[in-house]
Amino acid sequence: MQRFFRTSAPAGAILLLGMLAMPSGAASAQTPGAAQDAIAARRLDALERTSASQAAAIAAAQTSGDNAWMLVSAALVLLMSGPGLALFYGGLVRKKNVLGTMMQTFAMMAVITVLWAMVTYSLAFGEGSAFIGGLHNVFLRGVGLAPDVKYAATIPLQTFMVYQLMFAIITPALITGAFAERMKFSSMLVFMVLWAILVYSPMAHMVWGKGGLLNASLGGRFPCLDFAGGTVVHVTSGVSALVTALYLGKRLGYPQEAMPPHSVVLSFIGACLLWVGWFGFNAGSALSAGALATSAFVATHFATAAAAIGWSAAEWIRGGRCTALGAISGAVAGLVAITPASGFVTPISALWIGLTAGVFCYLMVVVVKSFFGYDDSLDAFGVHGAGGTIGALLTGIFANSAINPIFGSGKATGFLEGNRGQVFNQAVGVAVAWSLSIVGTLMILFVVDKLMGLRVSEEDERTGLDLSQHGEEGYEMVH
């Protein structure tokens, strides 16, 4: 017995208590070797229970951290709509239209939210075909607090749903910049509801939904890299904006009458809020608070700064000066262009994408728009349509598997890395977005125009949207 009790005091005490609890015959039959084996088994069992408990605690902490980041990101994306976009667009119009323009964005925050809960979330992210989701999740049926591992394994599905809602809100709101100062508020509401169903939902499903035609992470036929919405958000809204501007025609007096922004200060504040909110837009699209979110955050900031410099430099070279409106427009162009690439490129590649987008969008807004003479009031196409297109194509060139091995470990992602077919896949995604936007928008405009008319009357347009559509003014004018 002396040799037996040379074990540690706690172990000896445990064995002694165990032996006292045994019948005397069993205790006398227990050999020292068997007793030590029993101790080892108990220790192993306790260690396994502790390890399982620690693993559960770690998983819970990760879920809590990821969920917190995603809820903050959702709030940041909503900040992009109101007040960001509302102020940015509101400052660019004439003062008689400031409230009417801001109200269009605010209306999307309310109307698209209700529509998302009813049907459009299901159409975008529910199980369906390669082109559109089904109706399994209408009225958010089955969208609970448990994760859907195909979308995001560490956050509740409801968090994923509400985060994606914020993208669905801002996308149609971007279109309003093209028809600013001349569409009826009632017609705008009907147009946007139909557009969200017929254009946004199919595009979101094809790029991000289960079984989508262009889904790169879930085995789509043409894997188009779109981390945060270059095609889904910016190409669709920008191209639809151009179609709408052409269909409605020019504002009264355009281009003979000068129509300068009534408050670049408001637009400046709005652009800065967009820049801040875009970190939720892009870094949040990692759907977790890990290293990929950091990479997307850095790429977003670098591209935006480079694009602001690119636009300003082009403006300075052409006109001899750098304007505040040009600088903030360039920043937004950079934010747009880096959106599809943010989770796939290095910081230096992001600089190149931003610089290219700043110059390219400047030329689209200043040179191409003037040449063709269309009235894209707030340059929704020149910035979002053009910027989203160039950003999507550049993503196929600069994407790097060291940042995001989306096609598997050791497999090239972008053109410069050796995946020469990726630019083609990006072009397919852009072509689908352009085609869907043109055809879908034209159909919706035609139907709404025939049913209720699209444009305000000439008298209402001269009066302004604030008074003619809402019966109030943005500024109290003292006569």
Protein backbone atom coordinates (compact mmCIF):
# COMPACT_ATOMS: atom_id res chain seq x y z
CA MET A 1 0.00 0.00 0.00
CA GLN A 2 2.92 2.39 0.50
CA ARG A 3 3.85 2.15 -3.21
CA PHE A 4 0.25 2.79 -4.17
CA PHE A 5 -0.05 6.02 -2.12
CA ARG A 6 3.05 7.55 -3.67
CA THR A 7 0.66 8.92 -6.29
CA SER A 8 -0.48 12.51 -5.91
CA ALA A 9 -2.53 13.29 -2.82
CA PRO A 10 -5.73 14.17 -4.73
CA ALA A 11 -5.52 10.97 -6.75
CA GLY A 12 -4.86 8.92 -3.64
CA ALA A 13 -7.80 10.51 -1.90
CA ILE A 14 -10.07 9.77 -4.84
CA LEU A 15 -9.01 6.15 -4.90
CA LEU A 16 -9.40 5.78 -1.14
CA LEU A 17 -12.94 7.12 -1.27
CA GLY A 18 -13.71 4.81 -4.16
CA MET A 19 -12.38 1.80 -2.32
CA LEU A 20 -14.34 2.65 0.82
CA ALA A 21 -17.45 2.78 -1.27
CA MET A 22 -16.81 -0.67 -2.72
CA PRO A 23 -17.73 -3.94 -1.08
CA SER A 24 -14.79 -5.32 0.87
CA GLY A 25 -14.36 -8.21 -1.51
CA ALA A 26 -14.20 -5.92 -4.54
CA ALA A 27 -11.69 -3.62 -2.82
CA SER A 28 -9.37 -6.47 -1.95
CA ALA A 29 -9.59 -7.77 -5.51
CA GLN A 30 -8.56 -4.36 -7.03
CA THR A 31 -4.88 -4.45 -8.03
CA PRO A 32 -2.68 -1.33 -7.96
CA GLY A 33 -2.35 -1.35 -11.80
CA ALA A 34 -6.09 -1.56 -12.34
CA ALA A 35 -6.67 1.28 -9.88
CA GLN A 36 -4.24 3.53 -11.75
CA ASP A 37 -5.99 2.70 -15.03
CA ALA A 38 -9.30 3.72 -13.48
CA ILE A 39 -7.79 7.04 -12.38
CA ALA A 40 -6.42 7.67 -15.85
CA ALA A 41 -9.81 6.91 -17.41
CA ARG A 42 -11.55 9.34 -15.06
CA ARG A 43 -8.98 12.02 -15.81
CA LEU A 44 -9.36 11.50 -19.54
CA ASP A 45 -13.14 11.71 -19.27
CA ALA A 46 -12.88 14.92 -17.24
CA LEU A 47 -10.42 16.40 -19.77
CA GLU A 48 -12.72 15.54 -22.67
CA ARG A 49 -15.66 17.18 -20.91
CA THR A 50 -13.54 20.27 -20.22
CA SER A 51 -12.32 20.39 -23.84
CA ALA A 52 -15.87 20.09 -25.15
CA SER A 53 -16.98 22.85 -22.80
CA GLN A 54 -14.12 25.10 -23.90
CA ALA A 55 -14.84 24.41 -27.58
CA ALA A 56 -18.50 25.31 -27.04
CA ALA A 57 -17.48 28.51 -25.26
CA ILE A 58 -15.11 29.44 -28.08
CA ALA A 59 -17.79 28.76 -30.71
CA ALA A 60 -20.29 30.85 -28.74
CA ALA A 61 -17.77 33.70 -28.51
CA GLN A 62 -17.11 33.55 -32.23
CA THR A 63 -20.83 33.58 -32.98
CA SER A 64 -21.35 36.54 -30.66
CA GLY A 65 -18.43 38.45 -32.20
CA ASP A 66 -19.49 37.74 -35.77
CA ASN A 67 -23.10 38.56 -35.01
CA ALA A 68 -22.17 41.85 -33.37
CA TRP A 69 -20.06 42.87 -36.36
CA MET A 70 -22.82 41.95 -38.81
CA LEU A 71 -25.47 43.91 -36.93
CA VAL A 72 -23.16 46.94 -36.86
CA SER A 73 -22.47 46.44 -40.58
CA ALA A 74 -26.19 46.34 -41.30
CA ALA A 75 -26.59 49.65 -39.49
CA LEU A 76 -23.68 51.13 -41.45
CA VAL A 77 -25.26 50.11 -44.76
CA LEU A 78 -28.55 51.68 -43.71
CA LEU A 79 -26.57 54.81 -42.83
CA MET A 80 -25.49 54.89 -46.46
CA SER A 81 -29.12 55.34 -47.55
CA GLY A 82 -30.31 57.72 -44.88
CA PRO A 83 -28.67 60.08 -44.23
CA GLY A 84 -25.77 59.36 -46.64
CA LEU A 85 -27.41 59.06 -50.06
CA ALA A 86 -30.31 61.31 -49.10
CA LEU A 87 -27.93 64.16 -48.28
CA PHE A 88 -25.65 63.45 -51.24
CA TYR A 89 -28.50 63.50 -53.76
CA GLY A 90 -30.45 66.19 -51.91
CA GLY A 91 -27.60 68.67 -52.13
CA LEU A 92 -27.13 68.08 -55.87
CA VAL A 93 -30.64 69.15 -56.93
CA ARG A 94 -32.18 72.62 -56.98
CA LYS A 95 -33.58 73.80 -53.66
CA LYS A 96 -37.19 73.45 -54.83
CA ASN A 97 -36.61 69.68 -55.13
CA VAL A 98 -34.49 68.91 -52.07
CA LEU A 99 -37.22 67.34 -49.91
CA GLY A 100 -38.76 65.47 -52.84
CA THR A 101 -35.38 63.95 -53.68
CA MET A 102 -34.56 63.01 -50.09
CA MET A 103 -38.06 61.59 -49.62
CA GLN A 104 -37.49 59.15 -52.48
CA THR A 105 -34.58 57.57 -50.60
CA PHE A 106 -36.45 57.59 -47.31
CA ALA A 107 -39.45 55.92 -48.96
CA MET A 108 -37.21 53.05 -50.06
CA MET A 109 -36.16 52.49 -46.44
CA ALA A 110 -39.80 51.85 -45.56
CA VAL A 111 -41.33 50.28 -48.65
CA ILE A 112 -38.50 47.90 -49.58
CA THR A 113 -38.31 46.68 -45.97
CA VAL A 114 -41.94 45.57 -45.99
CA LEU A 115 -41.61 44.09 -49.47
CA TRP A 116 -38.47 42.20 -48.39
CA ALA A 117 -40.31 40.59 -45.51
CA MET A 118 -43.23 39.64 -47.71
CA VAL A 119 -41.58 38.18 -50.80
CA THR A 120 -38.32 39.59 -52.16
CA TYR A 121 -36.00 37.96 -49.60
CA SER A 122 -37.43 34.61 -50.63
CA LEU A 123 -36.99 35.41 -54.32
CA ALA A 124 -33.38 36.48 -53.77
CA PHE A 125 -32.10 33.89 -51.28
CA GLY A 126 -34.64 31.09 -51.15
CA GLU A 127 -34.18 27.71 -52.82
CA GLY A 128 -35.16 27.93 -56.46
CA SER A 129 -33.77 27.78 -59.99
CA ALA A 130 -30.51 29.13 -61.36
CA PHE A 131 -32.25 32.43 -62.09
CA ILE A 132 -34.55 33.18 -59.16
CA GLY A 133 -35.42 31.83 -55.73
CA GLY A 134 -38.71 30.20 -54.81
CA LEU A 135 -41.49 31.16 -52.42
CA HIS A 136 -40.44 28.92 -49.51
CA ASN A 137 -39.46 31.90 -47.34
CA VAL A 138 -42.34 34.28 -48.05
CA PHE A 139 -43.29 36.31 -44.97
CA LEU A 140 -39.90 35.18 -43.60
CA ARG A 141 -41.14 31.64 -43.03
CA GLY A 142 -38.21 29.53 -41.88
CA VAL A 143 -35.96 32.56 -41.36
CA GLY A 144 -35.13 32.14 -37.69
CA LEU A 145 -32.24 32.50 -35.28
CA ALA A 146 -30.36 29.37 -36.30
CA PRO A 147 -27.60 29.80 -38.94
CA ASP A 148 -27.85 28.65 -42.52
CA VAL A 149 -24.40 27.15 -43.08
CA LYS A 150 -24.56 27.66 -46.85
CA TYR A 151 -24.75 31.41 -46.34
CA ALA A 152 -23.04 32.09 -43.00
CA ALA A 153 -22.30 29.42 -40.41
CA THR A 154 -21.65 31.67 -37.40
CA ILE A 155 -24.53 34.16 -37.48
CA PRO A 156 -28.30 33.72 -37.22
CA LEU A 157 -30.09 33.50 -40.55
CA GLN A 158 -32.19 36.45 -39.42
CA THR A 159 -29.03 38.56 -39.10
CA PHE A 160 -28.02 37.54 -42.64
CA MET A 161 -31.50 38.43 -43.84
CA VAL A 162 -31.57 41.91 -42.33
CA TYR A 163 -28.03 42.64 -43.53
CA GLN A 164 -28.99 41.77 -47.10
CA LEU A 165 -32.11 43.90 -46.72
CA MET A 166 -29.95 47.01 -46.45
CA PHE A 167 -28.49 46.28 -49.90
CA ALA A 168 -32.00 45.86 -51.30
CA ILE A 169 -32.92 49.29 -49.89
CA ILE A 170 -30.06 51.34 -51.29
CA THR A 171 -30.02 49.78 -54.77
CA PRO A 172 -33.32 51.23 -56.07
CA ALA A 173 -32.60 54.45 -54.17
CA LEU A 174 -29.51 54.91 -56.35
CA ILE A 175 -31.69 54.95 -59.47
CA THR A 176 -33.56 58.03 -58.26
CA GLY A 177 -30.52 60.16 -59.08
CA ALA A 178 -31.15 59.70 -62.81
CA PHE A 179 -34.74 60.94 -62.85
CA ALA A 180 -34.39 63.56 -60.11
CA GLU A 181 -36.72 66.57 -60.35
CA ARG A 182 -39.22 65.07 -62.80
CA MET A 183 -40.97 61.82 -61.72
CA LYS A 184 -44.24 61.62 -59.80
CA PHE A 185 -43.84 60.26 -56.28
CA SER A 186 -46.71 57.79 -56.69
CA SER A 187 -45.30 56.45 -59.95
CA MET A 188 -41.84 56.21 -58.40
CA LEU A 189 -43.20 53.98 -55.63
CA VAL A 190 -44.92 51.57 -58.05
CA PHE A 191 -41.88 51.52 -60.33
CA MET A 192 -39.51 50.70 -57.48
CA VAL A 193 -41.68 47.91 -56.07
CA LEU A 194 -41.85 46.21 -59.46
CA TRP A 195 -38.14 46.81 -60.06
CA ALA A 196 -37.20 45.20 -56.75
CA ILE A 197 -39.22 42.11 -57.66
CA LEU A 198 -38.34 41.76 -61.34
CA VAL A 199 -34.75 43.07 -61.54
CA TYR A 200 -33.05 43.14 -58.14
CA SER A 201 -34.30 39.82 -56.79
CA PRO A 202 -33.27 37.69 -59.80
CA MET A 203 -29.86 39.36 -60.00
CA ALA A 204 -29.20 38.91 -56.28
CA HIS A 205 -30.19 35.25 -56.52
CA MET A 206 -28.02 34.57 -59.55
CA VAL A 207 -24.91 36.05 -57.88
CA TRP A 208 -25.43 35.26 -54.19
CA GLY A 209 -28.30 32.78 -53.86
CA LYS A 210 -28.19 29.00 -53.54
CA GLY A 211 -27.86 27.45 -56.98
CA GLY A 212 -27.49 30.85 -58.66
CA LEU A 213 -26.18 30.94 -62.23
CA LEU A 214 -23.30 33.30 -61.33
CA ASN A 215 -22.64 32.20 -57.75
CA ALA A 216 -18.88 31.68 -57.35
CA SER A 217 -18.97 30.19 -53.86
CA LEU A 218 -21.83 27.75 -54.37
CA GLY A 219 -20.96 26.29 -57.75
CA GLY A 220 -22.66 28.56 -60.27
CA ARG A 221 -22.34 27.80 -63.99
CA PHE A 222 -20.42 31.05 -64.55
CA PRO A 223 -18.64 31.89 -61.27
CA CYS A 224 -18.68 35.68 -61.21
CA LEU A 225 -16.67 37.25 -58.38
CA ASP A 226 -18.86 39.88 -56.76
CA PHE A 227 -17.95 40.26 -53.11
CA ALA A 228 -20.35 43.04 -52.14
CA GLY A 229 -22.54 43.96 -55.09
CA GLY A 230 -20.71 45.39 -58.10
CA THR A 231 -23.14 43.72 -60.49
CA VAL A 232 -26.05 43.17 -58.11
CA VAL A 233 -26.17 46.73 -56.80
CA HIS A 234 -24.23 49.13 -59.00
CA VAL A 235 -24.52 47.78 -62.53
CA THR A 236 -28.23 47.08 -62.17
CA SER A 237 -29.03 50.45 -60.60
CA GLY A 238 -26.73 52.42 -62.91
CA VAL A 239 -27.95 50.85 -66.14
CA SER A 240 -31.58 51.07 -65.01
CA ALA A 241 -30.94 54.72 -64.19
CA LEU A 242 -29.75 55.40 -67.73
CA VAL A 243 -32.76 53.62 -69.23
CA THR A 244 -35.11 55.61 -66.99
CA ALA A 245 -33.47 58.93 -67.83
CA LEU A 246 -33.73 58.21 -71.55
CA TYR A 247 -37.34 57.06 -71.28
CA LEU A 248 -38.48 60.09 -69.27
CA GLY A 249 -36.61 62.61 -71.35
CA LYS A 250 -34.76 65.73 -70.25
CA ARG A 251 -35.76 68.15 -67.54
CA LEU A 252 -37.43 71.37 -68.69
CA GLY A 253 -34.71 73.75 -69.82
CA TYR A 254 -31.91 71.15 -69.92
CA PRO A 255 -29.16 71.76 -71.01
CA GLN A 256 -29.69 75.43 -71.93
CA GLU A 257 -30.69 76.44 -68.39
CA ALA A 258 -28.04 76.16 -65.68
CA MET A 259 -29.04 73.68 -62.97
CA PRO A 260 -26.22 73.75 -60.41
CA PRO A 261 -26.40 71.94 -57.04
CA HIS A 262 -28.17 74.06 -54.47
CA SER A 263 -25.89 72.91 -51.62
CA VAL A 264 -22.56 71.21 -52.19
CA VAL A 265 -22.18 71.29 -48.40
CA LEU A 266 -25.04 68.80 -48.00
CA SER A 267 -23.58 66.62 -50.73
CA PHE A 268 -20.15 66.79 -49.09
CA ILE A 269 -21.55 65.55 -45.78
CA GLY A 270 -23.51 62.85 -47.56
CA ALA A 271 -20.42 61.63 -49.44
CA CYS A 272 -18.42 61.40 -46.22
CA LEU A 273 -21.21 59.36 -44.62
CA LEU A 274 -21.22 57.10 -47.67
CA TRP A 275 -17.48 56.55 -47.29
CA VAL A 276 -17.88 55.55 -43.63
CA GLY A 277 -20.97 53.43 -44.23
CA TRP A 278 -19.29 51.59 -47.10
CA PHE A 279 -17.05 49.76 -44.64
CA GLY A 280 -20.18 47.93 -43.51
CA PHE A 281 -21.14 47.42 -47.14
CA ASN A 282 -17.83 45.80 -48.15
CA ALA A 283 -16.11 44.55 -44.99
CA GLY A 284 -19.47 43.32 -43.69
CA SER A 285 -19.82 41.14 -46.79
CA ALA A 286 -17.22 38.83 -45.27
CA LEU A 287 -20.15 37.75 -43.04
CA SER A 288 -17.76 37.37 -40.11
CA ALA A 289 -15.34 39.46 -38.08
CA GLY A 290 -12.21 37.69 -39.33
CA ALA A 291 -9.22 38.46 -41.51
CA LEU A 292 -11.28 38.68 -44.72
CA ALA A 293 -13.27 41.55 -43.24
CA THR A 294 -10.00 43.34 -42.48
CA SER A 295 -8.79 42.85 -46.04
CA ALA A 296 -12.04 44.17 -47.51
CA PHE A 297 -11.98 47.15 -45.13
CA VAL A 298 -8.44 48.13 -46.14
CA ALA A 299 -9.10 47.63 -49.88
CA THR A 300 -12.21 49.80 -49.65
CA HIS A 301 -10.39 52.68 -48.00
CA PHE A 302 -7.38 52.58 -50.32
CA ALA A 303 -9.45 52.44 -53.51
CA THR A 304 -11.66 55.32 -52.41
CA ALA A 305 -8.71 57.57 -51.66
CA ALA A 306 -7.05 56.73 -55.00
CA ALA A 307 -10.27 57.36 -56.93
CA ALA A 308 -10.76 60.77 -55.31
CA ILE A 309 -7.23 61.66 -56.39
CA GLY A 310 -7.74 60.25 -59.89
CA TRP A 311 -10.96 62.19 -60.54
CA SER A 312 -9.49 65.39 -59.07
CA ALA A 313 -6.30 65.05 -61.13
CA ALA A 314 -8.27 64.54 -64.35
CA GLU A 315 -10.46 67.53 -63.50
CA TRP A 316 -7.39 69.65 -62.72
CA ILE A 317 -5.66 68.71 -65.96
CA ARG A 318 -8.76 69.41 -68.05
CA GLY A 319 -10.13 72.48 -66.30
CA GLY A 320 -7.25 73.90 -64.33
CA ARG A 321 -8.80 73.40 -60.90
CA CYS A 322 -9.89 70.75 -58.42
CA THR A 323 -13.46 71.10 -57.10
CA ALA A 324 -15.05 69.75 -53.93
CA LEU A 325 -17.87 68.25 -55.99
CA GLY A 326 -15.33 66.47 -58.19
CA ALA A 327 -13.40 65.10 -55.23
CA ILE A 328 -16.47 63.62 -53.55
CA SER A 329 -17.75 62.26 -56.86
CA GLY A 330 -14.43 60.55 -57.38
CA ALA A 331 -14.57 59.04 -53.91
CA VAL A 332 -18.01 57.58 -54.60
CA ALA A 333 -16.74 56.20 -57.93
CA GLY A 334 -13.92 54.45 -56.06
CA LEU A 335 -16.33 53.01 -53.53
CA VAL A 336 -18.46 51.66 -56.37
CA ALA A 337 -15.57 50.13 -58.31
CA ILE A 338 -13.95 48.38 -55.34
CA THR A 339 -17.24 46.87 -54.19
CA PRO A 340 -17.01 43.63 -56.23
CA ALA A 341 -13.24 43.34 -55.68
CA SER A 342 -12.95 44.27 -52.02
CA GLY A 343 -12.80 40.71 -50.71
CA PHE A 344 -10.44 39.43 -53.40
CA VAL A 345 -7.61 41.95 -53.94
CA THR A 346 -4.52 43.24 -52.16
CA PRO A 347 -4.27 46.86 -50.95
CA ILE A 348 -1.98 47.81 -53.85
CA SER A 349 -4.37 46.30 -56.39
CA ALA A 350 -7.13 48.30 -54.71
CA LEU A 351 -5.15 51.49 -55.34
CA TRP A 352 -4.97 50.69 -59.05
CA ILE A 353 -8.67 49.87 -59.24
CA GLY A 354 -9.58 53.11 -57.49
CA LEU A 355 -7.29 55.27 -59.61
CA THR A 356 -8.63 53.72 -62.82
CA ALA A 357 -12.24 54.14 -61.72
CA GLY A 358 -11.75 57.78 -60.73
CA VAL A 359 -10.44 58.75 -64.16
CA PHE A 360 -12.86 56.50 -66.07
CA CYS A 361 -15.98 57.74 -64.29
CA TYR A 362 -14.85 61.36 -64.69
CA LEU A 363 -14.65 60.84 -68.45
CA MET A 364 -18.07 59.15 -68.48
CA VAL A 365 -19.69 62.03 -66.59
CA VAL A 366 -17.95 64.93 -68.28
CA VAL A 367 -17.13 63.76 -71.80
CA VAL A 368 -19.46 60.88 -72.73
CA LYS A 369 -22.57 62.39 -71.14
CA SER A 370 -21.96 65.72 -72.89
CA PHE A 371 -21.36 63.99 -76.24
CA PHE A 372 -24.63 62.04 -76.17
CA GLY A 373 -26.62 64.75 -74.39
CA TYR A 374 -28.73 62.53 -72.11
CA ASP A 375 -30.04 63.99 -68.84
CA ASP A 376 -28.80 61.67 -66.10
CA SER A 377 -29.57 64.32 -63.48
CA LEU A 378 -27.17 63.25 -60.74
CA ASP A 379 -24.90 60.97 -62.81
CA ALA A 380 -26.20 57.69 -61.46
CA PHE A 381 -25.12 55.91 -64.63
CA GLY A 382 -21.77 57.68 -64.99
CA VAL A 383 -20.74 56.72 -61.45
CA HIS A 384 -22.63 53.54 -60.58
CA GLY A 385 -23.25 51.94 -63.96
CA ALA A 386 -19.83 52.75 -65.39
CA GLY A 387 -17.99 52.33 -62.08
CA GLY A 388 -19.69 49.02 -61.32
CA THR A 389 -18.88 47.69 -64.79
CA ILE A 390 -15.19 48.62 -64.73
CA GLY A 391 -14.89 47.38 -61.14
CA ALA A 392 -16.39 43.99 -61.98
CA LEU A 393 -14.02 43.50 -64.92
CA LEU A 394 -10.96 44.63 -62.95
CA THR A 395 -11.92 42.16 -60.21
CA GLY A 396 -11.34 39.34 -62.69
CA ILE A 397 -7.86 40.71 -63.38
CA PHE A 398 -6.62 41.49 -59.87
CA ALA A 399 -8.34 38.80 -57.74
CA ASN A 400 -5.80 36.92 -55.62
CA SER A 401 -6.19 33.53 -53.94
CA ALA A 402 -3.92 34.66 -51.10
CA ILE A 403 -6.72 37.02 -50.07
CA ASN A 404 -9.65 34.74 -50.76
CA PRO A 405 -9.14 31.17 -52.09
CA ILE A 406 -12.75 30.97 -53.20
CA PHE A 407 -12.05 28.27 -55.79
CA GLY A 408 -10.08 26.12 -53.35
CA SER A 409 -6.62 26.08 -51.84
CA GLY A 410 -3.84 26.32 -54.41
CA LYS A 411 -6.17 27.33 -57.27
CA ALA A 412 -5.68 30.65 -59.08
CA THR A 413 -8.42 33.22 -58.71
CA GLY A 414 -7.72 36.11 -61.09
CA PHE A 415 -6.14 36.71 -64.48
CA LEU A 416 -2.80 37.97 -63.17
CA GLU A 417 -2.54 34.89 -60.98
CA GLY A 418 -3.11 32.53 -63.89
CA ASN A 419 -6.89 32.07 -64.07
CA ARG A 420 -7.32 33.51 -67.54
CA GLY A 421 -10.96 32.49 -67.80
CA GLN A 422 -12.08 34.62 -64.88
CA VAL A 423 -12.30 37.82 -66.95
CA PHE A 424 -14.76 35.98 -69.21
CA ASN A 425 -16.85 34.96 -66.20
CA GLN A 426 -16.86 38.56 -65.01
CA ALA A 427 -17.94 39.71 -68.46
CA VAL A 428 -20.81 37.20 -68.40
CA GLY A 429 -21.94 38.58 -65.04
CA VAL A 430 -21.80 42.14 -66.35
CA ALA A 431 -23.67 41.17 -69.53
CA VAL A 432 -26.43 39.45 -67.53
CA ALA A 433 -26.76 42.50 -65.28
CA TRP A 434 -26.92 44.91 -68.22
CA SER A 435 -29.44 42.77 -70.13
CA LEU A 436 -31.74 42.17 -67.17
CA SER A 437 -31.63 45.85 -66.21
CA ILE A 438 -32.39 47.14 -69.70
CA VAL A 439 -35.20 44.72 -70.50
CA GLY A 440 -36.76 44.67 -67.03
CA THR A 441 -36.63 48.45 -66.56
CA LEU A 442 -38.12 49.18 -69.97
CA MET A 443 -41.01 46.79 -69.34
CA ILE A 444 -41.76 48.30 -65.94
CA LEU A 445 -41.54 51.89 -67.20
CA PHE A 446 -43.89 51.14 -70.07
CA VAL A 447 -46.51 49.52 -67.84
CA VAL A 448 -46.38 52.20 -65.14
CA ASP A 449 -46.46 54.98 -67.74
CA LYS A 450 -49.55 53.53 -69.39
CA LEU A 451 -51.34 52.93 -66.09
CA MET A 452 -50.62 56.16 -64.21
CA GLY A 453 -48.06 58.26 -66.05
CA LEU A 454 -44.48 58.84 -64.97
CA ARG A 455 -43.65 62.52 -65.27
CA VAL A 456 -45.05 65.38 -63.29
CA SER A 457 -46.81 68.08 -65.30
CA GLU A 458 -44.81 71.01 -66.67
CA GLU A 459 -46.40 73.28 -64.08
CA ASP A 460 -45.49 70.91 -61.23
CA GLU A 461 -41.95 70.55 -62.53
CA ARG A 462 -41.49 74.32 -62.58
CA THR A 463 -42.98 74.57 -59.09
CA GLY A 464 -40.71 71.80 -57.83
CA LEU A 465 -41.29 68.39 -56.28
CA ASP A 466 -41.34 69.70 -52.71
CA LEU A 467 -44.56 71.67 -53.15
CA SER A 468 -46.19 69.75 -56.02
CA GLN A 469 -45.66 66.25 -54.59
CA HIS A 470 -45.48 66.82 -50.82
CA GLY A 471 -46.99 70.23 -50.12
CA GLU A 472 -43.99 71.53 -48.20
CA GLU A 473 -40.68 73.27 -48.72
CA GLY A 474 -37.19 72.32 -47.70
CA TYR A 475 -36.32 75.89 -46.77
CA GLU A 476 -38.52 78.63 -45.44
CA MET A 477 -38.05 81.44 -47.89
CA VAL A 478 -38.46 84.96 -46.49
CA HIS A 479 -39.84 87.38 -49.06
